[in-house]
Amino acid sequence: MSTHVAVVGAYGSAGAAVAGDLADDPDIELTLIDDGDPGGGLCILRGCMPSKEVLSAAEHRFGARKDERLVGEVPDVDIEAVVERKNDHTSGFAQHRRDAIAELAEQENVEFIHDTARFVDDRVLEVDGRRIEPDYVVIATGSNVAIPPIPGIEDVPVQTSADVLDRTEFGDSAIALGLGYIGLELVPYLTEAADVDLTVVEALPEVLEEADEPFGEELLAYYREHFDVDVLLDAEGTSVEQTDDGGVRMTVDVGGDTRTIEADELFAFTGREPALDRLGIENTSLSPGEDWVSDTMQAAGDDRVFVVGDVNGREPILHVAKEEGFTAAENVRRLRDGDSLEEYENVHHHVIFSGLGVLPYARVGHSVESAEAAGLEFVTATRDASSDGVFKTKDVADGLARLVVGTDGTVLGYQGLHYHADVMAKTMQLAVEMELDVREIPDRAYHPTTPEVLDGLIGDTAAKLE
């Protein structure tokens, strides 16, 4: 007798990973469900892929404006052309995802339903006028934009990251709520490509909360200098209203002082929250909240319900969503067969395409702060990009890098706020996950030479161990 598994949210990265893993199992009957229109997943349609597309155009202008060796008028960004090309690319990427799900649905044991699923009881779904009672349910419905509950905000037009990616015209001025990973990427785009005069309201007292202290300070100084952004830290909007001319007026508490800001538009870059609102969770034994999904990807309240990707609230990162999907698929089989379950715990691996990708931030593994909190014994080394000749020759001598190494030589973590830190993060992920001994990493000349900053960190920490 076959095991019936329903995947709610099959177009997203997590759901597609589950679907692809289970579809080839002849003992599993698979029902894939998604109401996406056109469908394709957040990363493809509204996330990492289209955002990098628009950032790249602004990056080229920024490079031309910032390089003192270049003369002549700095070109404008043709935002209409940027959006048109972005739409063309993302529609192709999304079609590829939809085609992959459609191809799976051609298999005898797989069905795809393009409609909205809703729980009516524990592991009982209503979808497309049907009642489905699978043995296992995988929830992979992604996330929605989180709008902060500022009094009056429901009566004011609020633009989100999705709106930024689609718009070709902007007002002269704006208030941006949030300077987390979304704001760090889109704020420079608005100032560079659209020439928007921006005031950023950030609730935290610092940026790059996951980083050691000098990284956030360095990045904030870079934004203020190169993008002329007014950033208010430790700030909270206390009220907002629409002005007579169609703009917005916000009252902000900044460290105990009150400030009133007026602008043409309001942007919310305040993160995302699990998309559970249409699922009928209240009709089940599930109780979403902090730590409601275990390392086995099972939901508290029903061990035959697996929750993967952004919707579980654990870590809204694309590569994590895929790995969680694979873990859930494996654990469906293991639970069916009576075997012990697999736990998923990823190495910290975040990249933010800050500074239009010219000054990206990457962290793999431990920071100094997290290593201290874990009670680890370690040595550390820090290098400024300005001390590296390669960064100087490429006119990208801003930022810094840091390595954390255990006293036994094990590479524990890397942080980079510098040119190509995003690319170097993969190399350092291998070093951390393979638990390489820093003293055994080859000291060998090679090209390209940009990663010489890593050589310096490796050499510095190795010397401290001798």
Protein backbone atom coordinates (compact mmCIF):
# COMPACT_ATOMS: atom_id res chain seq x y z
CA MET A 1 0.00 0.00 0.00
CA SER A 2 1.43 3.37 -1.02
CA THR A 3 2.02 6.29 1.34
CA HIS A 4 0.18 9.49 0.42
CA VAL A 5 2.10 12.76 0.85
CA ALA A 6 0.67 16.22 0.11
CA VAL A 7 3.03 19.16 -0.46
CA VAL A 8 1.33 22.54 0.00
CA GLY A 9 3.45 25.16 -1.75
CA ALA A 10 5.11 23.04 -4.44
CA TYR A 11 6.36 25.94 -6.58
CA GLY A 12 8.70 27.36 -3.93
CA SER A 13 12.29 26.27 -3.39
CA ALA A 14 11.51 24.17 -0.31
CA GLY A 15 8.38 22.56 -1.76
CA ALA A 16 10.07 21.82 -5.07
CA ALA A 17 12.95 20.13 -3.21
CA VAL A 18 10.51 17.85 -1.37
CA ALA A 19 8.62 17.10 -4.58
CA GLY A 20 11.72 16.24 -6.59
CA ASP A 21 13.05 13.99 -3.82
CA LEU A 22 9.83 12.00 -3.28
CA ALA A 23 8.51 11.78 -6.84
CA ASP A 24 10.78 8.91 -7.82
CA ASP A 25 9.73 6.74 -4.88
CA PRO A 26 7.27 4.17 -6.35
CA ASP A 27 5.76 3.56 -2.90
CA ILE A 28 4.70 7.19 -2.47
CA GLU A 29 1.57 8.80 -3.88
CA LEU A 30 2.37 12.50 -4.19
CA THR A 31 -0.10 15.38 -4.38
CA LEU A 32 1.53 18.72 -5.19
CA ILE A 33 -0.52 21.85 -4.48
CA ASP A 34 0.17 25.51 -5.26
CA ASP A 35 -2.06 28.46 -6.12
CA GLY A 36 0.76 30.68 -7.36
CA ASP A 37 -0.06 32.87 -10.33
CA PRO A 38 2.09 32.69 -12.31
CA GLY A 39 3.96 30.65 -9.71
CA GLY A 40 7.65 30.03 -9.35
CA GLY A 41 8.61 30.80 -5.78
CA LEU A 42 9.60 33.93 -3.85
CA CYS A 43 13.32 33.80 -4.67
CA ILE A 44 12.62 33.71 -8.39
CA LEU A 45 9.77 36.20 -8.58
CA ARG A 46 10.31 38.65 -5.72
CA GLY A 47 13.54 37.77 -3.97
CA CYS A 48 17.19 37.08 -4.58
CA MET A 49 17.14 36.77 -8.37
CA PRO A 50 15.24 39.92 -9.44
CA SER A 51 16.82 42.00 -6.69
CA LYS A 52 20.34 41.16 -7.91
CA GLU A 53 19.23 42.07 -11.42
CA VAL A 54 18.22 45.61 -10.50
CA LEU A 55 21.18 46.08 -8.16
CA SER A 56 23.61 45.30 -10.96
CA ALA A 57 22.47 48.29 -13.03
CA ALA A 58 22.88 50.67 -10.09
CA GLU A 59 26.25 49.10 -9.30
CA HIS A 60 27.58 50.04 -12.74
CA ARG A 61 26.51 53.65 -12.28
CA PHE A 62 27.96 53.74 -8.79
CA GLY A 63 31.28 52.45 -10.04
CA ALA A 64 31.44 55.13 -12.70
CA ARG A 65 30.46 57.86 -10.24
CA LYS A 66 32.87 56.78 -7.53
CA ASP A 67 35.97 56.20 -9.67
CA GLU A 68 37.96 59.43 -9.80
CA ARG A 69 39.94 58.15 -12.80
CA LEU A 70 36.87 58.47 -15.02
CA VAL A 71 35.81 61.76 -16.56
CA GLY A 72 32.65 62.94 -18.22
CA GLU A 73 29.00 62.90 -17.24
CA VAL A 74 27.84 59.99 -15.11
CA PRO A 75 25.13 58.06 -17.00
CA ASP A 76 21.60 57.67 -15.64
CA VAL A 77 20.03 54.29 -14.98
CA ASP A 78 17.24 53.51 -17.45
CA ILE A 79 14.89 52.03 -14.87
CA GLU A 80 12.32 51.07 -17.51
CA ALA A 81 14.96 48.99 -19.27
CA VAL A 82 16.10 47.50 -15.97
CA VAL A 83 12.58 46.39 -15.04
CA GLU A 84 11.84 45.13 -18.54
CA ARG A 85 14.93 42.93 -18.58
CA LYS A 86 14.28 41.79 -15.01
CA ASN A 87 10.74 40.76 -15.95
CA ASP A 88 11.98 38.88 -19.00
CA HIS A 89 14.56 36.95 -16.99
CA THR A 90 12.35 36.17 -13.99
CA SER A 91 9.47 35.00 -16.18
CA GLY A 92 11.87 32.55 -17.82
CA PHE A 93 13.23 31.34 -14.48
CA ALA A 94 9.69 30.92 -13.11
CA GLN A 95 8.58 29.05 -16.22
CA HIS A 96 11.48 26.65 -15.72
CA ARG A 97 10.27 25.94 -12.15
CA ARG A 98 6.66 25.45 -13.29
CA ASP A 99 7.80 23.15 -16.09
CA ALA A 100 9.78 21.07 -13.59
CA ILE A 101 6.68 20.59 -11.41
CA ALA A 102 4.55 19.84 -14.47
CA GLU A 103 7.09 17.22 -15.57
CA LEU A 104 6.87 15.55 -12.17
CA ALA A 105 3.08 15.54 -12.45
CA GLU A 106 3.33 13.45 -15.62
CA GLN A 107 4.44 10.52 -13.47
CA GLU A 108 1.74 8.01 -12.56
CA ASN A 109 2.17 8.52 -8.80
CA VAL A 110 2.21 12.35 -8.89
CA GLU A 111 -0.68 14.82 -9.20
CA PHE A 112 -0.46 18.62 -9.33
CA ILE A 113 -3.41 20.80 -8.25
CA HIS A 114 -3.23 24.50 -9.10
CA ASP A 115 -5.46 25.82 -6.34
CA THR A 116 -5.52 26.93 -2.70
CA ALA A 117 -5.36 24.26 0.01
CA ARG A 118 -6.92 24.73 3.44
CA PHE A 119 -6.91 22.49 6.50
CA VAL A 120 -10.35 21.48 7.76
CA ASP A 121 -9.01 19.00 10.33
CA ASP A 122 -5.70 17.37 11.31
CA ARG A 123 -4.04 16.33 8.05
CA VAL A 124 -7.28 16.85 6.16
CA LEU A 125 -7.20 19.35 3.30
CA GLU A 126 -9.85 20.91 1.12
CA VAL A 127 -8.55 21.92 -2.29
CA ASP A 128 -10.24 22.44 -5.65
CA GLY A 129 -13.56 21.29 -4.20
CA ARG A 130 -12.06 18.05 -2.98
CA ARG A 131 -11.30 16.59 0.43
CA ILE A 132 -7.83 15.07 0.70
CA GLU A 133 -6.64 13.00 3.66
CA PRO A 134 -2.92 12.25 3.11
CA ASP A 135 -0.73 10.27 5.48
CA TYR A 136 1.76 13.14 5.62
CA VAL A 137 1.52 16.85 4.86
CA VAL A 138 4.47 19.11 4.01
CA ILE A 139 3.76 22.82 4.47
CA ALA A 140 6.01 24.99 2.27
CA THR A 141 3.93 28.12 1.76
CA GLY A 142 6.75 30.64 2.17
CA SER A 143 6.40 34.09 3.70
CA ASN A 144 4.60 37.40 3.42
CA VAL A 145 5.87 40.95 3.83
CA ALA A 146 5.78 42.08 7.47
CA ILE A 147 4.34 45.58 7.94
CA PRO A 148 5.09 47.14 11.35
CA PRO A 149 2.01 48.07 13.43
CA ILE A 150 2.62 51.82 13.50
CA PRO A 151 -0.57 53.72 14.35
CA GLY A 152 -2.08 55.08 11.12
CA ILE A 153 -0.05 52.91 8.75
CA GLU A 154 -3.17 51.10 7.51
CA ASP A 155 -4.37 54.42 6.04
CA VAL A 156 -1.13 55.26 4.21
CA PRO A 157 0.12 53.73 0.93
CA VAL A 158 3.07 51.49 1.84
CA GLN A 159 5.55 50.30 -0.76
CA THR A 160 7.37 46.99 -0.24
CA SER A 161 10.44 45.37 -1.75
CA ALA A 162 8.21 43.80 -4.42
CA ASP A 163 6.99 47.25 -5.44
CA VAL A 164 10.56 48.56 -5.71
CA LEU A 165 11.45 45.76 -8.11
CA ASP A 166 8.50 46.56 -10.39
CA ARG A 167 8.34 50.33 -10.38
CA THR A 168 9.88 52.58 -13.03
CA GLU A 169 9.13 55.93 -11.38
CA PHE A 170 9.66 57.11 -7.80
CA GLY A 171 8.99 60.21 -5.73
CA ASP A 172 11.74 62.67 -4.90
CA SER A 173 11.85 61.69 -1.21
CA ALA A 174 10.91 58.71 0.93
CA ILE A 175 10.98 57.21 4.40
CA ALA A 176 12.31 53.66 4.54
CA LEU A 177 11.47 51.49 7.53
CA GLY A 178 14.19 48.96 8.29
CA LEU A 179 17.86 48.54 7.46
CA GLY A 180 18.07 44.77 7.73
CA TYR A 181 19.11 42.60 4.80
CA ILE A 182 16.27 43.91 2.59
CA GLY A 183 16.94 47.54 3.36
CA LEU A 184 20.71 47.16 3.05
CA GLU A 185 20.20 45.93 -0.51
CA LEU A 186 17.40 48.22 -1.72
CA VAL A 187 18.21 51.53 -0.02
CA PRO A 188 21.33 52.13 -2.21
CA TYR A 189 19.33 51.14 -5.29
CA LEU A 190 16.73 53.82 -4.57
CA THR A 191 19.35 56.51 -4.01
CA GLU A 192 21.63 55.54 -6.88
CA ALA A 193 19.22 54.46 -9.62
CA ALA A 194 16.20 56.62 -8.77
CA ASP A 195 17.89 59.55 -6.96
CA VAL A 196 15.48 59.30 -4.01
CA ASP A 197 16.27 61.41 -0.94
CA LEU A 198 15.94 58.77 1.78
CA THR A 199 15.52 58.81 5.54
CA VAL A 200 15.89 55.33 7.05
CA VAL A 201 14.20 54.48 10.35
CA GLU A 202 15.85 51.45 12.00
CA ALA A 203 14.58 50.12 15.34
CA LEU A 204 17.86 48.46 16.32
CA PRO A 205 20.78 50.47 17.72
CA GLU A 206 23.11 49.02 15.08
CA VAL A 207 23.18 47.50 11.60
CA LEU A 208 24.45 44.01 10.79
CA GLU A 209 23.23 42.62 14.12
CA GLU A 210 24.79 39.21 13.41
CA ALA A 211 28.24 40.74 12.84
CA ASP A 212 30.99 41.72 15.22
CA GLU A 213 30.88 45.41 16.11
CA PRO A 214 33.31 46.96 13.60
CA PHE A 215 31.50 45.55 10.57
CA GLY A 216 28.24 47.37 11.18
CA GLU A 217 30.00 50.62 11.97
CA GLU A 218 32.06 50.36 8.77
CA LEU A 219 29.03 49.64 6.60
CA LEU A 220 26.94 52.43 8.11
CA ALA A 221 29.74 54.93 7.51
CA TYR A 222 29.98 53.73 3.90
CA TYR A 223 26.24 54.28 3.33
CA ARG A 224 26.30 57.74 4.84
CA GLU A 225 29.32 58.78 2.80
CA HIS A 226 28.65 57.22 -0.59
CA PHE A 227 24.83 57.12 -0.76
CA ASP A 228 24.05 60.23 1.31
CA VAL A 229 21.46 58.35 3.38
CA ASP A 230 20.10 59.77 6.62
CA VAL A 231 19.98 56.70 8.91
CA LEU A 232 18.20 56.95 12.27
CA LEU A 233 19.20 54.11 14.60
CA ASP A 234 17.35 53.08 17.75
CA ALA A 235 14.34 54.75 16.14
CA GLU A 236 10.67 53.80 16.20
CA GLY A 237 7.80 55.24 14.25
CA THR A 238 5.05 56.25 16.68
CA SER A 239 2.49 57.50 14.15
CA VAL A 240 2.10 58.07 10.44
CA GLU A 241 -0.46 59.92 8.33
CA GLN A 242 -1.04 61.03 4.78
CA THR A 243 -0.40 64.69 4.00
CA ASP A 244 -2.71 66.93 1.98
CA ASP A 245 -0.47 66.64 -1.08
CA GLY A 246 -0.50 62.83 -1.00
CA GLY A 247 2.80 62.35 0.82
CA VAL A 248 3.42 60.93 4.29
CA ARG A 249 4.23 62.42 7.66
CA MET A 250 5.78 60.23 10.35
CA THR A 251 6.51 60.92 13.98
CA VAL A 252 9.61 59.06 15.11
CA ASP A 253 11.06 58.41 18.55
CA VAL A 254 14.84 58.52 18.17
CA GLY A 255 16.51 57.48 21.41
CA GLY A 256 13.90 59.34 23.44
CA ASP A 257 13.74 62.42 21.21
CA THR A 258 10.76 63.08 18.95
CA ARG A 259 11.30 63.91 15.30
CA THR A 260 8.75 64.56 12.53
CA ILE A 261 9.63 63.52 8.97
CA GLU A 262 7.74 64.30 5.77
CA ALA A 263 8.35 62.63 2.42
CA ASP A 264 6.64 61.68 -0.82
CA GLU A 265 6.53 57.95 -0.11
CA LEU A 266 6.84 55.27 2.56
CA PHE A 267 8.76 52.01 2.07
CA ALA A 268 8.65 49.05 4.46
CA PHE A 269 11.79 46.90 4.41
CA THR A 270 10.93 45.30 7.76
CA GLY A 271 11.36 41.65 6.88
CA ARG A 272 8.93 38.83 6.24
CA GLU A 273 6.68 36.58 8.31
CA PRO A 274 5.44 32.99 7.78
CA ALA A 275 2.58 32.72 5.28
CA LEU A 276 0.07 30.76 7.34
CA ASP A 277 -2.93 33.09 7.16
CA ARG A 278 -4.86 31.16 4.48
CA LEU A 279 -4.09 27.61 5.62
CA GLY A 280 -6.79 27.09 8.23
CA ILE A 281 -4.23 26.18 10.87
CA GLU A 282 -6.84 26.92 13.53
CA ASN A 283 -8.67 23.78 12.43
CA THR A 284 -5.71 21.57 13.37
CA SER A 285 -3.65 20.64 16.43
CA LEU A 286 -0.79 22.82 15.17
CA SER A 287 0.21 25.89 17.18
CA PRO A 288 2.65 28.06 15.21
CA GLY A 289 5.04 30.07 17.32
CA GLU A 290 8.62 30.18 18.50
CA ASP A 291 10.40 26.82 18.06
CA TRP A 292 7.23 25.11 16.80
CA VAL A 293 9.24 23.22 14.16
CA SER A 294 11.94 20.78 15.31
CA ASP A 295 15.29 19.96 13.69
CA THR A 296 13.56 16.99 12.03
CA MET A 297 11.25 19.54 10.34
CA GLN A 298 8.23 18.13 12.19
CA ALA A 299 5.59 20.47 13.60
CA ALA A 300 4.72 20.41 17.29
CA GLY A 301 1.25 18.94 17.64
CA ASP A 302 1.44 16.52 14.70
CA ASP A 303 4.58 14.52 13.89
CA ARG A 304 3.22 13.71 10.42
CA VAL A 305 3.22 17.35 9.40
CA PHE A 306 6.54 18.76 8.18
CA VAL A 307 7.12 22.50 7.81
CA VAL A 308 9.96 23.70 5.56
CA GLY A 309 11.32 26.95 4.18
CA ASP A 310 10.34 30.49 5.19
CA VAL A 311 7.02 29.36 6.65
CA ASN A 312 8.65 27.66 9.64
CA GLY A 313 10.24 30.92 10.81
CA ARG A 314 13.60 29.28 11.49
CA GLU A 315 15.89 30.85 8.89
CA PRO A 316 14.45 32.44 5.71
CA ILE A 317 17.37 31.68 3.40
CA LEU A 318 17.10 29.95 0.01
CA HIS A 319 19.82 27.33 0.52
CA VAL A 320 18.42 26.52 3.97
CA ALA A 321 14.92 26.07 2.51
CA LYS A 322 16.19 23.50 0.02
CA GLU A 323 18.13 21.56 2.65
CA GLU A 324 15.09 21.57 4.94
CA GLY A 325 13.05 20.21 2.04
CA PHE A 326 15.48 17.35 1.47
CA THR A 327 15.49 16.60 5.21
CA ALA A 328 11.69 16.49 5.33
CA ALA A 329 11.53 14.17 2.31
CA GLU A 330 14.05 11.80 3.89
CA ASN A 331 12.20 11.85 7.21
CA VAL A 332 8.87 11.04 5.56
CA ARG A 333 10.48 7.83 4.31
CA ARG A 334 12.17 7.13 7.64
CA LEU A 335 8.99 7.68 9.63
CA ARG A 336 7.10 5.43 7.23
CA ASP A 337 9.73 2.70 7.61
CA GLY A 338 10.05 3.03 11.39
CA ASP A 339 13.64 4.32 11.24
CA SER A 340 15.22 7.04 13.37
CA LEU A 341 14.85 10.52 11.89
CA GLU A 342 17.51 12.84 10.53
CA GLU A 343 18.07 16.27 12.06
CA TYR A 344 18.99 19.33 10.04
CA GLU A 345 21.30 21.91 11.52
CA ASN A 346 23.07 24.20 9.12
CA VAL A 347 26.32 26.07 9.54
CA HIS A 348 25.61 29.81 9.76
CA HIS A 349 26.03 31.05 6.18
CA HIS A 350 24.58 34.46 5.33
CA VAL A 351 25.39 36.86 2.51
CA ILE A 352 23.96 40.36 2.16
CA PHE A 353 24.52 42.19 -1.13
CA SER A 354 25.06 45.49 0.63
CA GLY A 355 26.58 48.51 -1.07
CA LEU A 356 25.06 47.47 -4.41
CA GLY A 357 27.19 44.33 -4.26
CA VAL A 358 30.41 46.37 -4.20
CA LEU A 359 30.65 46.02 -0.43
CA PRO A 360 28.80 42.75 0.36
CA TYR A 361 28.75 41.25 3.84
CA ALA A 362 29.26 37.53 4.38
CA ARG A 363 29.42 35.46 7.51
CA VAL A 364 30.13 31.74 7.63
CA GLY A 365 30.26 29.95 10.97
CA HIS A 366 31.20 31.79 14.14
CA SER A 367 31.83 35.44 14.77
CA VAL A 368 34.01 36.42 17.72
CA GLU A 369 30.86 37.25 19.67
CA SER A 370 29.14 33.91 18.96
CA ALA A 371 32.34 31.94 19.66
CA GLU A 372 32.65 33.65 23.04
CA ALA A 373 28.99 32.95 23.79
CA ALA A 374 29.55 29.27 22.94
CA GLY A 375 32.48 29.12 25.38
CA LEU A 376 35.00 28.23 22.66
CA GLU A 377 38.74 28.83 22.92
CA PHE A 378 40.02 30.55 19.81
CA VAL A 379 42.35 33.02 18.17
CA THR A 380 41.28 35.62 15.66
CA ALA A 381 42.76 37.89 13.01
CA THR A 382 41.32 40.96 11.28
CA ARG A 383 42.49 42.66 8.08
CA ASP A 384 41.43 45.97 6.56
CA ALA A 385 40.77 45.92 2.83
CA SER A 386 42.78 49.14 2.56
CA SER A 387 45.94 47.22 3.47
CA ASP A 388 45.50 44.83 0.54
CA GLY A 389 47.18 45.89 -2.70
CA VAL A 390 44.72 43.97 -4.89
CA PHE A 391 41.73 45.80 -3.45
CA LYS A 392 43.56 49.10 -3.98
CA THR A 393 44.27 48.39 -7.64
CA LYS A 394 40.62 47.52 -8.22
CA ASP A 395 39.49 50.74 -6.49
CA VAL A 396 37.52 48.79 -3.87
CA ALA A 397 39.69 49.29 -0.79
CA ASP A 398 36.80 49.61 1.68
CA GLY A 399 35.82 47.17 4.41
CA LEU A 400 37.49 44.45 6.44
CA ALA A 401 37.66 40.69 7.00
CA ARG A 402 38.01 38.48 10.06
CA LEU A 403 38.84 34.84 10.73
CA VAL A 404 38.05 32.88 13.91
CA VAL A 405 40.11 29.74 14.53
CA GLY A 406 39.97 27.27 17.42
CA THR A 407 43.10 26.79 19.50
CA ASP A 408 43.34 23.33 17.95
CA GLY A 409 43.61 24.97 14.51
CA THR A 410 40.03 24.31 13.35
CA VAL A 411 38.57 27.10 11.20
CA LEU A 412 35.46 28.20 13.08
CA GLY A 413 34.26 31.22 11.17
CA TYR A 414 34.82 33.98 8.62
CA GLN A 415 33.33 37.41 8.23
CA GLY A 416 33.91 39.62 5.24
CA LEU A 417 32.69 43.11 4.44
CA HIS A 418 34.60 43.74 1.26
CA TYR A 419 34.62 43.33 -2.49
CA HIS A 420 33.81 39.72 -3.51
CA ALA A 421 33.12 38.64 0.08
CA ASP A 422 29.99 36.97 -1.34
CA VAL A 423 32.08 34.79 -3.64
CA MET A 424 34.71 33.99 -1.03
CA ALA A 425 32.00 32.82 1.37
CA LYS A 426 31.72 29.51 -0.50
CA THR A 427 35.42 28.80 -0.06
CA MET A 428 35.19 29.60 3.62
CA GLN A 429 32.05 27.48 3.98
CA LEU A 430 34.11 24.49 2.87
CA ALA A 431 36.83 25.34 5.38
CA VAL A 432 34.31 25.62 8.24
CA GLU A 433 32.11 22.64 7.38
CA MET A 434 35.10 20.36 6.67
CA GLU A 435 36.69 21.55 9.93
CA LEU A 436 40.00 22.24 8.20
CA ASP A 437 43.08 22.97 10.25
CA VAL A 438 44.19 26.49 9.35
CA ARG A 439 47.84 25.37 9.49
CA GLU A 440 47.22 22.76 6.79
CA ILE A 441 45.55 25.03 4.24
CA PRO A 442 48.06 25.32 1.38
CA ASP A 443 50.06 28.52 1.16
CA ARG A 444 50.26 28.58 -2.60
CA ALA A 445 50.38 31.36 -5.20
CA TYR A 446 47.41 31.35 -7.54
CA HIS A 447 45.22 33.52 -9.74
CA PRO A 448 42.90 35.37 -9.44
CA THR A 449 44.59 37.31 -6.68
CA THR A 450 41.57 39.02 -5.09
CA PRO A 451 41.26 36.38 -2.34
CA GLU A 452 44.71 37.31 -1.01
CA VAL A 453 42.87 38.74 1.99
CA LEU A 454 42.06 35.14 2.93
CA ASP A 455 45.74 34.18 2.65
CA GLY A 456 46.59 36.97 5.05
CA LEU A 457 43.98 35.87 7.59
CA ILE A 458 45.06 32.24 7.35
CA GLY A 459 48.70 33.17 7.80
CA ASP A 460 47.99 35.51 10.71
CA THR A 461 45.92 32.99 12.65
CA ALA A 462 48.32 30.13 11.93
CA ALA A 463 51.18 32.23 13.31
CA LYS A 464 49.20 32.87 16.51
CA LEU A 465 48.92 29.13 17.09
CA GLU A 466 52.69 28.58 16.96
